[in-house]
Amino acid sequence: MFRSRQGYTLTELLIVVVMVGSLTLFAIPKFTVLVERNKLGAAREEIAAAIATARAAAVQKGRTSTLFLTSNQLWVTVVTSDAGATSTVVPLKKFSSLYNVTVAPKDPSMTSITFDMRGFLSPRLSQTGVFRIVGGTRKDSVCITTAGQLMPRGCSL
């Protein structure tokens, strides 16, 4: 005489839990690499968007705009009056808290870049401007030409 069995035995449940746990252990390093790469990419896109916004604001308003990058923080202002009053176009972004990355210009003296009303850098850079982004074991960069245009990935034309 057979009894119908309902449910699972404790042994079967333990085997499933051990299998799921071991699969999770193998997957965690992959997820951390993925998260690190995504944060680095997001920081890169944030910088590129801020540069493009600064340039567009200068052209749209017909006045100078300035992108500031100091102490791992970025913001953009545009001049709004003849008296020199400014308005913030891109609010303060703290890369260490937002993306857990460090952003710094290759040239330490390049803590701000100013676009004139035509969208060109004023004064022009003597060489390509490079903003380095470092997050954990990964590195990336955003580059702008001496005139102020964003360069394609890899900093080469």
C-alpha atoms as a PDB file:
ATOM      1  CA  MET A   1       0.000   0.000   0.000  1.00  0.00           C
ATOM      2  CA  PHE A   2       1.428   3.369  -1.052  1.00  0.00           C
ATOM      3  CA  ARG A   3       0.783   6.655   0.620  1.00  0.00           C
ATOM      4  CA  SER A   4       0.643   9.743  -1.555  1.00  0.00           C
ATOM      5  CA  ARG A   5       3.514  12.026  -0.777  1.00  0.00           C
ATOM      6  CA  GLN A   6       2.929  15.769  -0.490  1.00  0.00           C
ATOM      7  CA  GLY A   7       5.784  18.276  -0.296  1.00  0.00           C
ATOM      8  CA  TYR A   8       9.516  17.775  -0.273  1.00  0.00           C
ATOM      9  CA  THR A   9      11.860  16.180   2.195  1.00  0.00           C
ATOM     10  CA  LEU A  10      14.341  18.232   4.204  1.00  0.00           C
ATOM     11  CA  THR A  11      17.204  16.654   2.259  1.00  0.00           C
ATOM     12  CA  GLU A  12      15.764  17.753  -1.081  1.00  0.00           C
ATOM     13  CA  LEU A  13      15.276  21.310   0.180  1.00  0.00           C
ATOM     14  CA  LEU A  14      18.845  21.478   1.527  1.00  0.00           C
ATOM     15  CA  ILE A  15      20.250  20.310  -1.813  1.00  0.00           C
ATOM     16  CA  VAL A  16      18.353  23.053  -3.660  1.00  0.00           C
ATOM     17  CA  VAL A  17      19.471  25.723  -1.168  1.00  0.00           C
ATOM     18  CA  VAL A  18      23.127  24.646  -1.507  1.00  0.00           C
ATOM     19  CA  MET A  19      22.890  24.703  -5.311  1.00  0.00           C
ATOM     20  CA  VAL A  20      21.336  28.181  -5.372  1.00  0.00           C
ATOM     21  CA  GLY A  21      23.927  29.439  -2.880  1.00  0.00           C
ATOM     22  CA  SER A  22      26.855  28.135  -4.917  1.00  0.00           C
ATOM     23  CA  LEU A  23      25.467  29.665  -8.120  1.00  0.00           C
ATOM     24  CA  THR A  24      25.105  32.998  -6.316  1.00  0.00           C
ATOM     25  CA  LEU A  25      28.705  32.798  -5.096  1.00  0.00           C
ATOM     26  CA  PHE A  26      29.927  32.452  -8.679  1.00  0.00           C
ATOM     27  CA  ALA A  27      27.704  35.271  -9.943  1.00  0.00           C
ATOM     28  CA  ILE A  28      28.575  37.973  -7.363  1.00  0.00           C
ATOM     29  CA  PRO A  29      31.999  38.905  -8.849  1.00  0.00           C
ATOM     30  CA  LYS A  30      30.404  39.304 -12.273  1.00  0.00           C
ATOM     31  CA  PHE A  31      27.803  41.682 -10.846  1.00  0.00           C
ATOM     32  CA  THR A  32      30.406  43.847  -9.103  1.00  0.00           C
ATOM     33  CA  VAL A  33      32.359  44.220 -12.349  1.00  0.00           C
ATOM     34  CA  LEU A  34      29.135  45.100 -14.153  1.00  0.00           C
ATOM     35  CA  VAL A  35      28.175  47.706 -11.551  1.00  0.00           C
ATOM     36  CA  GLU A  36      31.664  49.263 -11.629  1.00  0.00           C
ATOM     37  CA  ARG A  37      31.607  49.476 -15.427  1.00  0.00           C
ATOM     38  CA  ASN A  38      28.130  51.027 -15.449  1.00  0.00           C
ATOM     39  CA  LYS A  39      29.080  53.675 -12.881  1.00  0.00           C
ATOM     40  CA  LEU A  40      32.179  54.598 -14.875  1.00  0.00           C
ATOM     41  CA  GLY A  41      30.116  54.879 -18.055  1.00  0.00           C
ATOM     42  CA  ALA A  42      27.484  56.987 -16.313  1.00  0.00           C
ATOM     43  CA  ALA A  43      30.136  59.370 -14.996  1.00  0.00           C
ATOM     44  CA  ARG A  44      31.640  59.643 -18.488  1.00  0.00           C
ATOM     45  CA  GLU A  45      28.248  60.454 -19.998  1.00  0.00           C
ATOM     46  CA  GLU A  46      27.568  63.000 -17.238  1.00  0.00           C
ATOM     47  CA  ILE A  47      30.791  64.867 -18.052  1.00  0.00           C
ATOM     48  CA  ALA A  48      30.149  64.744 -21.795  1.00  0.00           C
ATOM     49  CA  ALA A  49      26.606  66.038 -21.275  1.00  0.00           C
ATOM     50  CA  ALA A  50      27.868  68.865 -19.046  1.00  0.00           C
ATOM     51  CA  ILE A  51      30.399  69.928 -21.695  1.00  0.00           C
ATOM     52  CA  ALA A  52      27.733  69.844 -24.404  1.00  0.00           C
ATOM     53  CA  THR A  53      25.316  71.763 -22.171  1.00  0.00           C
ATOM     54  CA  ALA A  54      27.913  74.437 -21.405  1.00  0.00           C
ATOM     55  CA  ARG A  55      28.641  74.873 -25.094  1.00  0.00           C
ATOM     56  CA  ALA A  56      24.958  74.968 -26.053  1.00  0.00           C
ATOM     57  CA  ALA A  57      24.123  77.439 -23.265  1.00  0.00           C
ATOM     58  CA  ALA A  58      26.840  79.795 -24.484  1.00  0.00           C
ATOM     59  CA  VAL A  59      25.500  79.715 -28.033  1.00  0.00           C
ATOM     60  CA  GLN A  60      21.840  79.934 -27.001  1.00  0.00           C
ATOM     61  CA  LYS A  61      22.303  82.839 -24.588  1.00  0.00           C
ATOM     62  CA  GLY A  62      24.933  84.588 -26.702  1.00  0.00           C
ATOM     63  CA  ARG A  63      27.145  84.885 -23.609  1.00  0.00           C
ATOM     64  CA  THR A  64      30.023  82.987 -22.036  1.00  0.00           C
ATOM     65  CA  SER A  65      29.489  79.835 -20.029  1.00  0.00           C
ATOM     66  CA  THR A  66      31.969  78.070 -17.786  1.00  0.00           C
ATOM     67  CA  LEU A  67      32.331  74.441 -16.767  1.00  0.00           C
ATOM     68  CA  PHE A  68      34.048  73.992 -13.397  1.00  0.00           C
ATOM     69  CA  LEU A  69      35.696  70.723 -12.347  1.00  0.00           C
ATOM     70  CA  THR A  70      37.377  70.922  -8.951  1.00  0.00           C
ATOM     71  CA  SER A  71      37.670  68.532  -6.020  1.00  0.00           C
ATOM     72  CA  ASN A  72      35.836  65.777  -7.902  1.00  0.00           C
ATOM     73  CA  GLN A  73      32.826  68.083  -8.386  1.00  0.00           C
ATOM     74  CA  LEU A  74      31.393  69.548 -11.582  1.00  0.00           C
ATOM     75  CA  TRP A  75      28.971  72.399 -12.320  1.00  0.00           C
ATOM     76  CA  VAL A  76      28.240  74.773 -15.198  1.00  0.00           C
ATOM     77  CA  THR A  77      27.320  78.454 -15.079  1.00  0.00           C
ATOM     78  CA  VAL A  78      26.355  80.920 -17.796  1.00  0.00           C
ATOM     79  CA  VAL A  79      26.598  84.708 -17.708  1.00  0.00           C
ATOM     80  CA  THR A  80      23.092  86.199 -17.787  1.00  0.00           C
ATOM     81  CA  SER A  81      23.655  89.962 -17.742  1.00  0.00           C
ATOM     82  CA  ASP A  82      26.107  92.656 -18.767  1.00  0.00           C
ATOM     83  CA  ALA A  83      26.898  93.171 -15.082  1.00  0.00           C
ATOM     84  CA  GLY A  84      28.366  89.641 -14.954  1.00  0.00           C
ATOM     85  CA  ALA A  85      25.598  87.877 -13.038  1.00  0.00           C
ATOM     86  CA  THR A  86      25.611  84.136 -13.573  1.00  0.00           C
ATOM     87  CA  SER A  87      23.046  81.388 -13.537  1.00  0.00           C
ATOM     88  CA  THR A  88      23.743  77.721 -12.869  1.00  0.00           C
ATOM     89  CA  VAL A  89      22.896  75.573 -15.881  1.00  0.00           C
ATOM     90  CA  VAL A  90      24.160  72.235 -14.537  1.00  0.00           C
ATOM     91  CA  PRO A  91      23.896  71.904 -10.747  1.00  0.00           C
ATOM     92  CA  LEU A  92      26.762  70.635  -8.624  1.00  0.00           C
ATOM     93  CA  LYS A  93      27.568  66.954  -9.256  1.00  0.00           C
ATOM     94  CA  LYS A  94      29.739  65.102  -6.741  1.00  0.00           C
ATOM     95  CA  PHE A  95      31.243  62.149  -8.570  1.00  0.00           C
ATOM     96  CA  SER A  96      32.546  60.390  -5.469  1.00  0.00           C
ATOM     97  CA  SER A  97      29.096  60.118  -3.918  1.00  0.00           C
ATOM     98  CA  LEU A  98      27.093  59.694  -7.142  1.00  0.00           C
ATOM     99  CA  TYR A  99      29.239  57.166  -8.992  1.00  0.00           C
ATOM    100  CA  ASN A 100      32.068  56.238  -6.607  1.00  0.00           C
ATOM    101  CA  VAL A 101      34.641  57.447  -9.141  1.00  0.00           C
ATOM    102  CA  THR A 102      37.354  60.089  -9.227  1.00  0.00           C
ATOM    103  CA  VAL A 103      37.360  62.687 -11.997  1.00  0.00           C
ATOM    104  CA  ALA A 104      40.305  64.975 -12.633  1.00  0.00           C
ATOM    105  CA  PRO A 105      41.707  66.888 -15.590  1.00  0.00           C
ATOM    106  CA  LYS A 106      44.955  65.589 -17.052  1.00  0.00           C
ATOM    107  CA  ASP A 107      46.352  69.110 -16.782  1.00  0.00           C
ATOM    108  CA  PRO A 108      45.887  70.235 -13.138  1.00  0.00           C
ATOM    109  CA  SER A 109      45.572  73.873 -14.219  1.00  0.00           C
ATOM    110  CA  MET A 110      42.453  73.075 -16.272  1.00  0.00           C
ATOM    111  CA  THR A 111      39.906  73.323 -13.449  1.00  0.00           C
ATOM    112  CA  SER A 112      37.526  75.376 -15.582  1.00  0.00           C
ATOM    113  CA  ILE A 113      36.805  75.760 -19.270  1.00  0.00           C
ATOM    114  CA  THR A 114      34.968  78.730 -20.715  1.00  0.00           C
ATOM    115  CA  PHE A 115      32.960  78.786 -23.942  1.00  0.00           C
ATOM    116  CA  ASP A 116      32.383  82.035 -25.807  1.00  0.00           C
ATOM    117  CA  MET A 117      29.093  83.000 -27.444  1.00  0.00           C
ATOM    118  CA  ARG A 118      30.032  81.063 -30.605  1.00  0.00           C
ATOM    119  CA  GLY A 119      30.612  77.830 -28.673  1.00  0.00           C
ATOM    120  CA  PHE A 120      34.403  77.876 -28.875  1.00  0.00           C
ATOM    121  CA  LEU A 121      36.778  77.605 -25.957  1.00  0.00           C
ATOM    122  CA  SER A 122      38.053  80.923 -24.761  1.00  0.00           C
ATOM    123  CA  PRO A 123      41.029  80.877 -24.623  1.00  0.00           C
ATOM    124  CA  ARG A 124      41.704  77.924 -26.864  1.00  0.00           C
ATOM    125  CA  LEU A 125      43.492  74.996 -25.284  1.00  0.00           C
ATOM    126  CA  SER A 126      47.129  74.489 -26.225  1.00  0.00           C
ATOM    127  CA  GLN A 127      46.477  70.740 -26.481  1.00  0.00           C
ATOM    128  CA  THR A 128      43.575  68.310 -26.290  1.00  0.00           C
ATOM    129  CA  GLY A 129      41.715  68.597 -22.982  1.00  0.00           C
ATOM    130  CA  VAL A 130      41.435  65.290 -21.148  1.00  0.00           C
ATOM    131  CA  PHE A 131      39.284  64.517 -18.122  1.00  0.00           C
ATOM    132  CA  ARG A 132      40.340  61.226 -16.539  1.00  0.00           C
ATOM    133  CA  ILE A 133      37.784  59.056 -14.740  1.00  0.00           C
ATOM    134  CA  VAL A 134      38.962  56.326 -12.377  1.00  0.00           C
ATOM    135  CA  GLY A 135      36.620  53.900 -10.658  1.00  0.00           C
ATOM    136  CA  GLY A 136      38.100  50.925  -8.832  1.00  0.00           C
ATOM    137  CA  THR A 137      40.204  49.013 -11.335  1.00  0.00           C
ATOM    138  CA  ARG A 138      38.708  50.665 -14.425  1.00  0.00           C
ATOM    139  CA  LYS A 139      39.669  53.904 -16.167  1.00  0.00           C
ATOM    140  CA  ASP A 140      38.060  56.043 -18.852  1.00  0.00           C
ATOM    141  CA  SER A 141      38.354  59.576 -20.183  1.00  0.00           C
ATOM    142  CA  VAL A 142      36.460  62.385 -21.871  1.00  0.00           C
ATOM    143  CA  CYS A 143      38.372  64.539 -24.329  1.00  0.00           C
ATOM    144  CA  ILE A 144      37.668  67.889 -25.955  1.00  0.00           C
ATOM    145  CA  THR A 145      39.437  69.474 -28.885  1.00  0.00           C
ATOM    146  CA  THR A 146      41.407  72.688 -28.575  1.00  0.00           C
ATOM    147  CA  ALA A 147      38.345  74.503 -29.964  1.00  0.00           C
ATOM    148  CA  GLY A 148      35.911  72.905 -27.485  1.00  0.00           C
ATOM    149  CA  GLN A 149      34.206  70.049 -29.312  1.00  0.00           C
ATOM    150  CA  LEU A 150      33.744  66.651 -27.697  1.00  0.00           C
ATOM    151  CA  MET A 151      36.019  64.029 -29.179  1.00  0.00           C
ATOM    152  CA  PRO A 152      34.864  60.506 -29.977  1.00  0.00           C
ATOM    153  CA  ARG A 153      35.712  57.636 -27.679  1.00  0.00           C
ATOM    154  CA  GLY A 154      39.400  56.998 -27.347  1.00  0.00           C
ATOM    155  CA  CYS A 155      40.368  60.655 -27.716  1.00  0.00           C
ATOM    156  CA  SER A 156      41.287  60.299 -31.373  1.00  0.00           C
ATOM    157  CA  LEU A 157      39.689  61.771 -34.454  1.00  0.00           C
END
